Amino acid sequence: MDVSDILAAHSAKQKAVTVEKEIPLEVDVGFLTVTDLNPIDTESYNEDVEGYLKATARDGVQTLVSALFSLPTTSSADGPLAQLPPPITQLPRAKPLPKPKPPTKWEQFAKAKGIQKKRKDKKVWDEERQEWVDRWGWKGANKKEEHQWLSEVPANADADHDPSKAARDARKAKVAKNEKQHQQNLLRAQGTSASNVGPANSDRKNHIDRTLATTRTSTASMGKFDKTLEGEKKSKGVKRKFDPTEVSASAEKSHNLAILQKLDREPAAKKAKSSSGDNVLNVRKAIRSVSKGKGSAALARGDGGGKAKKGRR
């Protein structure tokens, strides 16, 4: 039986492993991406869109698989694994790279003295319990003195001395000290970083100056007899600005026209308010405020009209 025709037909269906194009495909094995920069063949694309897209995708996947098989591999339980190289395509970042944090005070001291950082184990051996316990946390080694059933009391201790409470207070004081040092490191980092050296110090200084000026004026003497601190600057008041006595004719004209326009706008605004029903003039209240206890007849005559004046006559 001659099967040469069948094999020839089958081999014709199989495409070559190597992909050859006018512009070589750009392969980034680190990102597992392939970029095809060849222009689209308009005739083939319009004739069979799906077939053209499948052929283009097949060429890209074939090129990527060929590149993967050329990489060094390592054996594993799931089979050989290819070691991907670092990516070569530079992708844009949404945000800039984070700046390195400045070293803390302890890190600077350790670097100067050559002290190497050692990582402590999470478990420590407890001789009394004969077992491994947590270094921190609930019933940790740092709280050992708080849970002892027997503690030594100093001879000069008070009558209400509680060893567990004293150990707890000492541990909390240590935690507070560490938190204070952490905050100082953050402030020091903000003050020494290149981006915050100016605004941080200036804002803090201005805030201190404003607070000091407020406390100066809160005394009965308005700070006149208060002692001056070392390095304190004298607070300056607000200087009043007056217009010059001699101005040009054009400036004086514009100033007077602005006053006239303001006077013209005020009656119109009052008329609009009165027509709308708002701020209606209360005649009785106006008469009471003008008279201030005078009689209506005296108010009509225009004289004082009070009882004291009648008595004098």
Protein backbone atom coordinates (compact mmCIF):
# COMPACT_ATOMS: atom_id res chain seq x y z
CA MET A 1 0.00 0.00 0.00
CA ASP A 2 1.46 3.32 -1.06
CA VAL A 3 0.90 5.97 1.66
CA SER A 4 3.25 8.60 0.25
CA ASP A 5 0.35 10.76 -0.94
CA ILE A 6 -1.27 10.67 2.51
CA LEU A 7 1.99 11.66 4.21
CA ALA A 8 2.59 14.43 1.72
CA ALA A 9 -0.92 15.83 2.31
CA HIS A 10 -0.44 15.61 6.07
CA SER A 11 2.96 17.35 5.95
CA ALA A 12 1.49 20.08 3.79
CA LYS A 13 -0.96 20.90 6.57
CA GLN A 14 1.85 21.25 9.11
CA LYS A 15 3.51 24.65 9.13
CA ALA A 16 7.18 25.31 9.78
CA VAL A 17 8.39 25.82 13.34
CA THR A 18 10.45 28.84 12.38
CA VAL A 19 8.45 31.97 11.56
CA GLU A 20 9.94 34.21 8.89
CA LYS A 21 8.49 37.67 8.26
CA GLU A 22 9.69 40.88 6.65
CA ILE A 23 10.01 42.53 10.08
CA PRO A 24 11.16 40.04 12.75
CA LEU A 25 8.86 39.63 15.70
CA GLU A 26 9.93 41.26 18.97
CA VAL A 27 9.85 38.70 21.80
CA ASP A 28 10.02 39.61 25.49
CA VAL A 29 10.27 36.27 27.26
CA GLY A 30 10.28 37.93 30.69
CA PHE A 31 6.73 39.25 30.12
CA LEU A 32 5.74 36.35 27.78
CA THR A 33 4.77 38.84 25.08
CA VAL A 34 5.30 39.03 21.32
CA THR A 35 4.98 42.22 19.27
CA ASP A 36 4.27 42.05 15.54
CA LEU A 37 5.21 45.28 13.74
CA ASN A 38 4.43 44.04 10.23
CA PRO A 39 1.76 46.00 8.32
CA ILE A 40 -1.62 44.33 7.78
CA ASP A 41 -2.25 42.73 4.41
CA THR A 42 -5.49 44.42 3.39
CA GLU A 43 -6.52 41.90 0.75
CA SER A 44 -6.04 38.84 3.00
CA TYR A 45 -7.68 40.63 5.92
CA ASN A 46 -10.79 41.60 3.90
CA GLU A 47 -11.05 38.16 2.29
CA ASP A 48 -10.97 36.13 5.54
CA VAL A 49 -10.76 38.13 8.79
CA GLU A 50 -10.92 35.15 11.14
CA GLY A 51 -8.37 33.13 9.22
CA TYR A 52 -5.97 36.08 9.05
CA LEU A 53 -6.21 36.70 12.82
CA LYS A 54 -5.67 33.00 13.58
CA ALA A 55 -2.59 32.89 11.34
CA THR A 56 -1.12 35.99 12.99
CA ALA A 57 -1.78 34.61 16.48
CA ARG A 58 -0.29 31.25 15.51
CA ASP A 59 2.94 32.88 14.32
CA GLY A 60 3.28 34.86 17.57
CA VAL A 61 2.63 31.82 19.82
CA GLN A 62 5.02 29.68 17.79
CA THR A 63 7.78 32.26 18.13
CA LEU A 64 7.19 32.52 21.91
CA VAL A 65 7.19 28.73 22.40
CA SER A 66 10.40 28.39 20.40
CA ALA A 67 12.01 31.06 22.61
CA LEU A 68 10.83 29.25 25.77
CA PHE A 69 12.33 25.93 24.66
CA SER A 70 15.69 27.63 24.13
CA LEU A 71 15.88 28.74 27.80
CA PRO A 72 17.67 26.76 30.53
CA THR A 73 15.36 24.51 32.53
CA THR A 74 15.25 23.02 36.02
CA SER A 75 13.60 19.75 37.00
CA SER A 76 10.66 19.72 39.40
CA ALA A 77 7.83 17.43 40.49
CA ASP A 78 5.58 18.91 37.81
CA GLY A 79 8.21 18.58 35.09
CA PRO A 80 10.89 20.85 33.64
CA LEU A 81 10.54 24.55 34.42
CA ALA A 82 12.06 27.26 32.24
CA GLN A 83 13.96 30.05 33.98
CA LEU A 84 12.61 33.31 32.60
CA PRO A 85 15.09 36.15 32.09
CA PRO A 86 14.36 39.66 33.37
CA PRO A 87 11.94 41.67 31.16
CA ILE A 88 13.38 44.02 28.58
CA THR A 89 10.21 46.05 27.89
CA GLN A 90 9.98 49.20 29.98
CA LEU A 91 6.42 49.78 31.15
CA PRO A 92 5.29 53.22 32.37
CA ARG A 93 4.55 53.59 36.08
CA ALA A 94 1.46 55.28 37.48
CA LYS A 95 3.51 56.70 40.37
CA PRO A 96 7.22 57.46 40.78
CA LEU A 97 9.53 55.01 42.51
CA PRO A 98 9.43 55.31 46.30
CA LYS A 99 12.38 57.14 47.77
CA PRO A 100 14.63 55.19 50.14
CA LYS A 101 13.88 55.85 53.80
CA PRO A 102 16.62 57.67 55.70
CA PRO A 103 18.33 55.52 58.37
CA THR A 104 17.15 55.81 61.94
CA LYS A 105 19.35 56.93 64.82
CA TRP A 106 20.02 53.32 65.85
CA GLU A 107 20.81 52.27 62.27
CA GLN A 108 23.36 55.07 61.98
CA PHE A 109 24.93 54.04 65.29
CA ALA A 110 24.99 50.35 64.29
CA LYS A 111 26.61 51.19 60.96
CA ALA A 112 29.28 53.29 62.66
CA LYS A 113 30.03 50.54 65.21
CA GLY A 114 29.76 47.68 62.74
CA ILE A 115 26.85 46.01 64.54
CA GLN A 116 25.09 43.40 62.44
CA LYS A 117 21.34 42.97 62.73
CA LYS A 118 20.31 39.58 64.05
CA ARG A 119 16.81 38.29 63.66
CA LYS A 120 15.36 36.94 66.89
CA ASP A 121 13.43 33.70 66.94
CA LYS A 122 9.72 33.82 67.68
CA LYS A 123 10.07 31.02 70.25
CA VAL A 124 12.25 30.95 73.37
CA TRP A 125 12.93 28.14 75.82
CA ASP A 126 11.29 28.44 79.22
CA GLU A 127 13.32 26.67 81.92
CA GLU A 128 10.50 26.61 84.46
CA ARG A 129 7.85 25.22 82.12
CA GLN A 130 10.36 23.16 80.11
CA GLU A 131 8.80 24.07 76.80
CA TRP A 132 9.09 26.55 73.95
CA VAL A 133 6.95 29.65 74.42
CA ASP A 134 6.29 32.74 72.32
CA ARG A 135 8.68 35.62 72.78
CA TRP A 136 5.84 38.17 72.49
CA GLY A 137 2.06 38.10 72.63
CA TRP A 138 -0.39 36.56 75.08
CA LYS A 139 1.51 34.90 77.93
CA GLY A 140 4.75 35.58 76.09
CA ALA A 141 8.23 35.61 77.57
CA ASN A 142 8.10 39.40 77.85
CA LYS A 143 5.17 39.02 80.28
CA LYS A 144 6.77 36.31 82.39
CA GLU A 145 7.17 38.49 85.47
CA GLU A 146 3.50 39.48 85.35
CA HIS A 147 2.27 35.89 85.66
CA GLN A 148 4.67 34.56 88.29
CA TRP A 149 3.00 33.03 91.32
CA LEU A 150 5.90 34.10 93.56
CA SER A 151 7.78 37.40 93.30
CA GLU A 152 10.41 38.98 95.50
CA VAL A 153 9.32 42.21 97.18
CA PRO A 154 11.99 44.82 98.08
CA ALA A 155 12.44 45.68 101.75
CA ASN A 156 11.67 49.37 101.20
CA ALA A 157 8.53 48.69 99.14
CA ASP A 158 5.19 50.22 100.06
CA ALA A 159 2.49 48.26 101.81
CA ASP A 160 0.32 48.15 98.68
CA HIS A 161 3.19 47.17 96.36
CA ASP A 162 2.01 44.83 93.58
CA PRO A 163 4.88 43.09 91.73
CA SER A 164 2.65 42.15 88.79
CA LYS A 165 1.41 45.71 88.40
CA ALA A 166 4.95 47.09 88.66
CA ALA A 167 6.15 44.70 85.95
CA ARG A 168 3.16 45.62 83.77
CA ASP A 169 3.81 49.34 84.22
CA ALA A 170 7.50 48.86 83.35
CA ARG A 171 6.57 46.96 80.18
CA LYS A 172 4.06 49.64 79.14
CA ALA A 173 6.63 52.36 79.84
CA LYS A 174 9.07 50.55 77.58
CA VAL A 175 6.45 50.32 74.84
CA ALA A 176 5.70 54.04 75.19
CA LYS A 177 9.41 54.83 75.00
CA ASN A 178 9.76 52.79 71.81
CA GLU A 179 6.75 54.56 70.30
CA LYS A 180 8.23 57.95 71.22
CA GLN A 181 11.53 57.01 69.58
CA HIS A 182 9.60 55.85 66.52
CA GLN A 183 7.84 59.21 66.25
CA GLN A 184 11.16 61.02 66.67
CA ASN A 185 12.63 58.94 63.85
CA LEU A 186 9.70 59.90 61.63
CA LEU A 187 10.13 63.59 62.42
CA ARG A 188 13.88 63.32 61.87
CA ALA A 189 13.27 61.60 58.54
CA GLN A 190 10.89 64.36 57.45
CA GLY A 191 13.40 67.00 58.48
CA THR A 192 16.36 65.37 56.72
CA SER A 193 14.65 64.29 53.51
CA ALA A 194 15.30 66.46 50.49
CA SER A 195 11.63 67.02 49.69
CA ASN A 196 10.50 68.08 53.19
CA VAL A 197 13.49 69.92 54.62
CA GLY A 198 12.14 73.40 53.91
CA PRO A 199 8.34 73.32 54.35
CA ALA A 200 8.30 71.04 57.42
CA ASN A 201 10.69 73.14 59.50
CA SER A 202 9.26 76.48 58.40
CA ASP A 203 5.65 75.45 59.11
CA ARG A 204 6.57 74.10 62.53
CA LYS A 205 8.50 77.29 63.36
CA ASN A 206 5.63 79.52 62.24
CA HIS A 207 3.19 77.49 64.34
CA ILE A 208 5.40 77.88 67.42
CA ASP A 209 5.72 81.64 66.82
CA ARG A 210 1.95 82.05 66.51
CA THR A 211 1.33 80.05 69.69
CA LEU A 212 3.91 82.07 71.59
CA ALA A 213 2.43 85.37 70.39
CA THR A 214 -1.05 84.22 71.48
CA THR A 215 0.17 83.34 74.97
CA ARG A 216 1.92 86.71 75.27
CA THR A 217 -1.27 88.64 74.65
CA SER A 218 -3.34 86.47 77.02
CA THR A 219 -1.93 88.09 80.18
CA ALA A 220 -3.37 91.16 81.89
CA SER A 221 -0.47 93.35 80.75
CA MET A 222 -0.69 92.02 77.17
CA GLY A 223 2.82 90.62 77.53
CA LYS A 224 4.42 93.92 78.51
CA PHE A 225 5.99 92.64 81.74
CA ASP A 226 6.60 89.02 80.63
CA LYS A 227 10.15 87.72 80.55
CA THR A 228 11.65 87.32 77.10
CA LEU A 229 12.80 83.82 76.23
CA GLU A 230 16.18 83.08 74.73
CA GLY A 231 16.08 83.44 70.96
CA GLU A 232 12.54 84.86 71.00
CA LYS A 233 11.69 87.43 68.39
CA LYS A 234 9.59 90.45 69.20
CA SER A 235 6.09 90.02 67.85
CA LYS A 236 5.18 92.62 65.30
CA GLY A 237 1.70 94.07 65.18
CA VAL A 238 -0.36 94.75 62.10
CA LYS A 239 0.59 98.03 60.48
CA ARG A 240 -2.27 100.20 59.33
CA LYS A 241 -2.08 101.44 55.78
CA PHE A 242 -3.44 104.84 54.84
CA ASP A 243 -4.03 106.31 51.42
CA PRO A 244 -1.65 109.09 50.38
CA THR A 245 -2.84 112.65 50.92
CA GLU A 246 -1.90 113.75 47.41
CA VAL A 247 -3.24 111.67 44.55
CA SER A 248 -3.65 112.26 40.86
CA ALA A 249 -6.81 113.77 39.39
CA SER A 250 -7.75 110.55 37.60
CA ALA A 251 -7.44 108.51 40.80
CA GLU A 252 -9.55 110.99 42.77
CA LYS A 253 -12.17 111.02 39.99
CA SER A 254 -12.44 107.23 39.91
CA HIS A 255 -12.68 107.11 43.71
CA ASN A 256 -15.52 109.65 43.80
CA LEU A 257 -17.37 107.91 40.95
CA ALA A 258 -17.16 104.64 42.85
CA ILE A 259 -18.73 106.31 45.91
CA LEU A 260 -21.56 107.74 43.79
CA GLN A 261 -22.26 104.41 42.17
CA LYS A 262 -22.41 102.79 45.59
CA LEU A 263 -24.88 105.42 46.81
CA ASP A 264 -27.03 104.86 43.72
CA ARG A 265 -27.08 101.09 44.27
CA GLU A 266 -28.10 101.27 47.94
CA PRO A 267 -31.52 102.98 47.45
CA ALA A 268 -32.32 100.62 44.60
CA ALA A 269 -31.47 97.63 46.76
CA LYS A 270 -33.57 98.93 49.67
CA LYS A 271 -36.50 99.58 47.32
CA ALA A 272 -36.25 96.04 45.97
CA LYS A 273 -36.23 94.61 49.49
CA SER A 274 -39.23 96.68 50.57
CA SER A 275 -41.19 95.66 47.46
CA SER A 276 -40.43 91.98 48.11
CA GLY A 277 -41.75 92.26 51.69
CA ASP A 278 -38.39 91.82 53.47
CA ASN A 279 -36.97 94.33 55.98
CA VAL A 280 -40.18 96.44 56.00
CA LEU A 281 -39.78 99.64 58.07
CA ASN A 282 -41.49 99.40 61.45
CA VAL A 283 -42.84 102.94 62.04
CA ARG A 284 -43.76 102.42 65.70
CA LYS A 285 -40.33 101.01 66.53
CA ALA A 286 -38.63 103.89 64.72
CA ILE A 287 -40.68 106.49 66.70
CA ARG A 288 -39.83 104.77 70.02
CA SER A 289 -36.13 104.68 69.20
CA VAL A 290 -36.07 108.37 68.24
CA SER A 291 -38.24 109.66 71.07
CA LYS A 292 -36.51 107.70 73.87
CA GLY A 293 -39.24 108.44 76.41
CA LYS A 294 -40.30 111.89 75.09
CA GLY A 295 -43.93 112.74 74.68
CA SER A 296 -45.59 112.61 71.31
CA ALA A 297 -46.51 116.33 71.46
CA ALA A 298 -42.92 117.32 72.31
CA LEU A 299 -41.66 115.08 69.54
CA ALA A 300 -44.02 116.82 67.12
CA ARG A 301 -42.83 120.29 68.27
CA GLY A 302 -39.21 119.19 68.00
CA ASP A 303 -38.15 120.22 71.55
CA GLY A 304 -37.15 118.03 74.46
CA GLY A 305 -40.58 117.89 76.11
CA GLY A 306 -39.39 115.99 79.15
CA LYS A 307 -40.69 116.23 82.70
CA ALA A 308 -37.39 117.69 83.92
CA LYS A 309 -37.70 120.66 81.54
CA LYS A 310 -41.27 121.31 82.61
CA GLY A 311 -40.19 121.36 86.23
CA ARG A 312 -37.49 123.91 85.49
CA ARG A 313 -40.01 126.26 83.99
